[in-house]
Amino acid sequence: MTTLVTGATGNTGRHVVAELVRRGERVRALSRDTVAAAAKLPAGVEVVAGTHTVPEKLDAALEGVDRLHITVTAGLAEAGPELVRRAVDAGVRRITVLWGGFVGPVEEAVAESGVTWTRLEPQEFMSNTLTWTDSVRDEGVVREPYDLPSALVHEADIAAVAAVALLEDGHAGRAYNLTGPEALTPRERVAMLSRAVGRELSFVPLTHEQAVERLMATGVSRADADYVIGWYASPPEEAATVVDTVERLTGRPARTFAQWLAEHADRFRGPRTPR
């Protein structure tokens, strides 16, 4: 049995790969840069070239694959249904999809594919905190537009649930809301990060428009930037509501933000290294 993981070197995908390998599974990792991917992923993973946004070039990557993990990313809305169709035609019989924040064309294609599927619905990733790295290292500052609580989930816990759904029965047609064990505001996270790096950090509020413009400066479209910042302005109730899905499905408590910080604190320390 072989599992193909898209987004295999991303914040969540690499954890999906690692969890499957830990469980003794055969894993095929999809990556644009196979050399870099091979260096980042566990030994024994088969790394294949390609991107899930160009499914017409993935016939070889899908050959012999029984299970598929899809991370919904920008640009997949149009290509996603074709990816699903080709995967099913190639013999894939179980799919997990890490949704893109709402049920769109990819999620609908998976649900209508005729194969066993599970949708993973984390509200916010702890790894989003990494967007603070440069401002923390350069200025000791975090700038965000809103200070509302969020039950962030560790990306490794998302991966652990993905592995359960891919390898075990009983999860067909389920959509799993995933959270961490606590809801924290950005100010609370900044205070925890200050303690983790041993440095006083400041929280500076942004206006809504400043936040939108900052996101657009990274190459995000105005429509997508409005959607993302709008989510933070008025998050759904689920975003701040802690649920026990991770513990219920994996048999262990969800990882805390403090644990995430212990793993990543070094990335926030000292002056930024010039690129």
Protein backbone atom coordinates (compact mmCIF):
# COMPACT_ATOMS: atom_id res chain seq x y z
CA MET A 1 0.00 0.00 0.00
CA THR A 2 1.41 3.38 -1.02
CA THR A 3 0.29 6.84 0.10
CA LEU A 4 0.98 9.91 -2.02
CA VAL A 5 1.31 13.13 0.01
CA THR A 6 0.95 16.47 -1.74
CA GLY A 7 2.54 19.53 -0.20
CA ALA A 8 5.00 17.06 1.29
CA THR A 9 7.53 19.62 2.56
CA GLY A 10 4.98 22.15 3.80
CA ASN A 11 4.24 22.95 7.43
CA THR A 12 1.70 20.12 7.65
CA GLY A 13 2.64 17.83 4.78
CA ARG A 14 6.06 17.00 6.17
CA HIS A 15 4.41 15.90 9.39
CA VAL A 16 1.98 13.68 7.46
CA VAL A 17 4.95 12.05 5.74
CA ALA A 18 6.80 11.58 9.02
CA GLU A 19 3.77 10.13 10.81
CA LEU A 20 3.11 7.62 8.04
CA VAL A 21 6.77 6.58 8.00
CA ARG A 22 6.68 6.21 11.79
CA ARG A 23 3.79 3.82 11.32
CA GLY A 24 5.82 1.76 8.85
CA GLU A 25 3.92 2.86 5.75
CA ARG A 26 5.25 3.27 2.23
CA VAL A 27 5.15 6.97 1.34
CA ARG A 28 5.54 8.84 -1.93
CA ALA A 29 6.13 12.58 -1.52
CA LEU A 30 5.23 15.08 -4.21
CA SER A 31 7.59 18.06 -4.55
CA ARG A 32 8.71 20.59 -7.13
CA ASP A 33 12.28 20.27 -5.83
CA THR A 34 13.06 16.62 -5.31
CA VAL A 35 16.61 17.21 -4.07
CA ALA A 36 15.55 19.65 -1.36
CA ALA A 37 12.60 17.47 -0.42
CA ALA A 38 14.73 14.36 -0.06
CA ALA A 39 17.03 16.25 2.31
CA LYS A 40 14.12 17.33 4.52
CA LEU A 41 12.11 14.11 4.64
CA PRO A 42 12.76 10.83 6.46
CA ALA A 43 14.91 8.17 4.86
CA GLY A 44 13.02 5.71 2.72
CA VAL A 45 10.47 8.19 1.39
CA GLU A 46 10.09 8.08 -2.38
CA VAL A 47 10.24 11.67 -3.63
CA VAL A 48 8.66 12.36 -7.01
CA ALA A 49 8.70 15.56 -9.03
CA GLY A 50 5.53 17.51 -9.63
CA THR A 51 2.87 19.75 -8.20
CA HIS A 52 -0.75 18.97 -7.42
CA THR A 53 -1.80 22.11 -9.29
CA VAL A 54 -0.71 20.49 -12.58
CA PRO A 55 -2.45 17.11 -12.33
CA GLU A 56 -2.09 16.27 -16.01
CA LYS A 57 1.61 15.62 -15.33
CA LEU A 58 1.05 13.35 -12.33
CA ASP A 59 0.11 10.04 -13.96
CA ALA A 60 3.47 8.51 -13.07
CA ALA A 61 3.32 9.86 -9.51
CA LEU A 62 -0.15 8.34 -9.05
CA GLU A 63 0.75 4.94 -10.45
CA GLY A 64 0.33 2.26 -7.79
CA VAL A 65 -0.99 4.72 -5.19
CA ASP A 66 -3.77 3.48 -2.91
CA ARG A 67 -4.18 6.49 -0.62
CA LEU A 68 -3.85 10.21 -1.22
CA HIS A 69 -3.43 13.21 1.07
CA ILE A 70 -4.33 16.55 -0.52
CA THR A 71 -3.48 19.92 0.98
CA VAL A 72 -5.73 22.55 -0.55
CA THR A 73 -3.59 25.52 -1.56
CA ALA A 74 -3.92 28.61 -3.71
CA GLY A 75 -4.28 27.64 -7.34
CA LEU A 76 -5.88 24.28 -6.63
CA ALA A 77 -9.50 25.40 -7.04
CA GLU A 78 -9.39 24.83 -10.81
CA ALA A 79 -6.95 21.91 -10.87
CA GLY A 80 -8.28 20.05 -7.84
CA PRO A 81 -11.24 18.27 -9.46
CA GLU A 82 -8.95 17.00 -12.22
CA LEU A 83 -6.44 15.80 -9.63
CA VAL A 84 -9.19 13.87 -7.86
CA ARG A 85 -10.46 12.37 -11.12
CA ARG A 86 -7.00 11.20 -12.14
CA ALA A 87 -6.31 9.81 -8.68
CA VAL A 88 -9.51 7.75 -8.71
CA ASP A 89 -8.79 6.54 -12.25
CA ALA A 90 -5.29 5.50 -11.10
CA GLY A 91 -6.75 3.33 -8.32
CA VAL A 92 -6.70 5.58 -5.26
CA ARG A 93 -9.36 4.35 -2.86
CA ARG A 94 -8.92 6.58 0.18
CA ILE A 95 -8.38 10.36 0.32
CA THR A 96 -7.81 12.85 3.10
CA VAL A 97 -8.16 16.50 2.23
CA LEU A 98 -6.84 19.35 4.33
CA TRP A 99 -9.42 21.97 3.43
CA GLY A 100 -8.73 25.53 2.40
CA GLY A 101 -11.04 27.22 4.91
CA PHE A 102 -14.33 26.52 3.16
CA VAL A 103 -15.86 23.72 1.12
CA GLY A 104 -14.85 24.57 -2.43
CA PRO A 105 -14.32 22.71 -5.72
CA VAL A 106 -11.59 20.42 -4.35
CA GLU A 107 -13.52 19.38 -1.28
CA GLU A 108 -16.66 18.85 -3.36
CA ALA A 109 -14.78 16.74 -5.90
CA VAL A 110 -13.38 14.56 -3.11
CA ALA A 111 -16.84 14.12 -1.56
CA GLU A 112 -18.28 13.12 -4.93
CA SER A 113 -15.37 10.89 -5.93
CA GLY A 114 -16.96 7.61 -4.89
CA VAL A 115 -13.99 6.63 -2.72
CA THR A 116 -13.52 6.74 1.03
CA TRP A 117 -12.69 10.28 2.12
CA THR A 118 -12.15 12.35 5.25
CA ARG A 119 -11.92 16.14 5.46
CA LEU A 120 -9.63 17.79 8.00
CA GLU A 121 -10.83 21.22 9.16
CA PRO A 122 -8.28 22.92 11.43
CA GLN A 123 -9.35 26.46 12.28
CA GLU A 124 -5.86 27.96 12.57
CA PHE A 125 -2.38 26.43 12.52
CA MET A 126 0.16 27.14 15.24
CA SER A 127 2.68 27.44 12.40
CA ASN A 128 0.99 30.70 11.37
CA THR A 129 3.06 32.15 14.21
CA LEU A 130 6.10 31.81 11.95
CA THR A 131 4.89 34.87 10.03
CA TRP A 132 6.10 36.86 13.06
CA THR A 133 9.70 35.64 12.74
CA ASP A 134 11.25 38.60 10.93
CA SER A 135 9.58 41.35 12.95
CA VAL A 136 10.42 39.57 16.21
CA ARG A 137 14.06 39.09 15.28
CA ASP A 138 14.52 42.54 13.73
CA GLU A 139 12.40 44.72 16.03
CA GLY A 140 11.05 42.69 18.94
CA VAL A 141 7.56 43.48 17.68
CA VAL A 142 4.46 41.57 16.54
CA ARG A 143 1.90 43.46 14.47
CA GLU A 144 -1.62 42.09 14.05
CA PRO A 145 -5.00 43.73 13.38
CA TYR A 146 -7.14 41.84 15.88
CA ASP A 147 -6.64 40.38 19.34
CA LEU A 148 -9.28 37.67 19.41
CA PRO A 149 -8.84 34.15 20.84
CA SER A 150 -8.04 31.23 18.57
CA ALA A 151 -7.81 27.53 19.45
CA LEU A 152 -4.75 26.98 17.29
CA VAL A 153 -3.77 23.41 16.50
CA HIS A 154 -0.27 21.98 16.14
CA GLU A 155 0.42 20.91 12.57
CA ALA A 156 1.76 17.55 13.81
CA ASP A 157 -1.64 16.87 15.37
CA ILE A 158 -3.33 17.58 12.05
CA ALA A 159 -0.94 15.06 10.51
CA ALA A 160 -1.64 12.49 13.20
CA VAL A 161 -5.37 12.70 12.49
CA ALA A 162 -4.68 12.47 8.76
CA ALA A 163 -2.72 9.27 9.33
CA VAL A 164 -5.55 7.79 11.40
CA ALA A 165 -8.07 8.57 8.66
CA LEU A 166 -5.81 7.20 5.94
CA LEU A 167 -4.92 3.97 7.70
CA GLU A 168 -7.91 3.09 9.86
CA ASP A 169 -11.55 2.41 9.11
CA GLY A 170 -14.46 4.33 10.55
CA HIS A 171 -13.73 7.81 9.22
CA ALA A 172 -15.44 7.73 5.84
CA GLY A 173 -17.40 10.85 4.97
CA ARG A 174 -16.39 12.63 8.15
CA ALA A 175 -15.34 16.29 8.48
CA TYR A 176 -13.18 16.76 11.56
CA ASN A 177 -12.86 20.14 13.23
CA LEU A 178 -9.37 20.23 14.75
CA THR A 179 -8.14 22.49 17.55
CA GLY A 180 -5.47 22.67 20.17
CA PRO A 181 -6.24 22.37 23.90
CA GLU A 182 -6.60 26.11 24.57
CA ALA A 183 -7.80 29.32 22.93
CA LEU A 184 -5.21 32.10 22.97
CA THR A 185 -5.24 35.70 21.77
CA PRO A 186 -2.28 37.09 19.81
CA ARG A 187 -1.25 39.14 22.86
CA GLU A 188 -1.22 35.99 24.98
CA ARG A 189 0.86 34.18 22.37
CA VAL A 190 3.30 37.11 22.22
CA ALA A 191 3.69 36.96 26.01
CA MET A 192 4.42 33.23 25.81
CA LEU A 193 6.84 33.79 22.94
CA SER A 194 8.62 36.49 25.01
CA ARG A 195 9.24 33.96 27.76
CA ALA A 196 10.35 31.30 25.29
CA VAL A 197 12.98 33.50 23.63
CA GLY A 198 13.99 35.35 26.80
CA ARG A 199 13.28 38.75 25.31
CA GLU A 200 10.62 41.39 25.85
CA LEU A 201 8.34 41.61 22.82
CA SER A 202 5.67 44.17 21.99
CA PHE A 203 2.26 43.77 20.41
CA VAL A 204 1.34 46.57 17.99
CA PRO A 205 -2.21 46.70 16.59
CA LEU A 206 -2.72 47.21 12.86
CA THR A 207 -5.78 48.62 11.16
CA HIS A 208 -7.77 46.28 8.96
CA GLU A 209 -6.52 48.02 5.82
CA GLN A 210 -2.90 47.89 6.95
CA ALA A 211 -3.22 44.15 7.47
CA VAL A 212 -4.77 43.69 4.03
CA GLU A 213 -2.02 45.73 2.38
CA ARG A 214 0.67 43.80 4.22
CA LEU A 215 -0.72 40.52 2.96
CA MET A 216 -1.06 41.83 -0.58
CA ALA A 217 2.63 42.85 -0.47
CA THR A 218 3.47 39.14 -0.28
CA GLY A 219 1.74 38.52 -3.62
CA VAL A 220 -1.74 37.63 -2.36
CA SER A 221 -4.63 39.01 -4.39
CA ARG A 222 -6.87 41.71 -2.94
CA ALA A 223 -9.81 39.31 -2.83
CA ASP A 224 -7.84 36.65 -0.97
CA ALA A 225 -6.32 39.21 1.40
CA ASP A 226 -9.78 40.60 2.20
CA TYR A 227 -11.01 37.07 2.88
CA VAL A 228 -8.12 36.16 5.19
CA ILE A 229 -8.16 39.37 7.21
CA GLY A 230 -11.94 39.29 7.26
CA TRP A 231 -11.73 35.86 8.89
CA TYR A 232 -9.58 37.30 11.67
CA ALA A 233 -11.95 40.26 12.04
CA SER A 234 -14.97 38.03 12.50
CA PRO A 235 -13.88 34.43 13.05
CA PRO A 236 -16.46 31.65 13.26
CA GLU A 237 -17.44 30.40 16.69
CA GLU A 238 -15.49 27.20 16.00
CA ALA A 239 -12.24 29.16 15.83
CA ALA A 240 -12.19 29.79 19.58
CA THR A 241 -14.02 26.65 20.72
CA VAL A 242 -11.74 23.89 21.96
CA VAL A 243 -12.79 20.40 20.86
CA ASP A 244 -11.31 17.02 21.78
CA THR A 245 -11.09 15.60 18.25
CA VAL A 246 -7.31 15.15 18.30
CA GLU A 247 -7.32 13.28 21.62
CA ARG A 248 -10.38 11.24 20.69
CA LEU A 249 -8.87 10.04 17.40
CA THR A 250 -5.21 9.69 18.34
CA GLY A 251 -5.54 8.58 21.96
CA ARG A 252 -3.35 11.36 23.34
CA PRO A 253 -3.88 15.02 24.26
CA ALA A 254 -3.47 17.68 21.60
CA ARG A 255 -0.12 19.47 21.74
CA THR A 256 -0.03 22.86 23.44
CA PHE A 257 1.24 26.14 22.05
CA ALA A 258 3.99 26.01 24.67
CA GLN A 259 5.16 22.72 23.15
CA TRP A 260 5.13 24.29 19.70
CA LEU A 261 7.22 27.20 20.97
CA ALA A 262 9.76 24.84 22.52
CA GLU A 263 10.23 23.29 19.08
CA HIS A 264 10.54 26.59 17.19
CA ALA A 265 11.85 29.22 19.63
CA ASP A 266 15.31 29.32 18.04
CA ARG A 267 13.77 30.64 14.82
CA PHE A 268 12.72 33.81 16.69
CA ARG A 269 15.99 34.47 18.51
CA GLY A 270 18.69 36.99 17.61
CA PRO A 271 18.95 39.32 14.63
CA ARG A 272 17.64 38.03 11.34
CA THR A 273 20.25 36.32 9.17
CA PRO A 274 20.54 38.18 5.83
CA ARG A 275 19.32 36.19 2.88
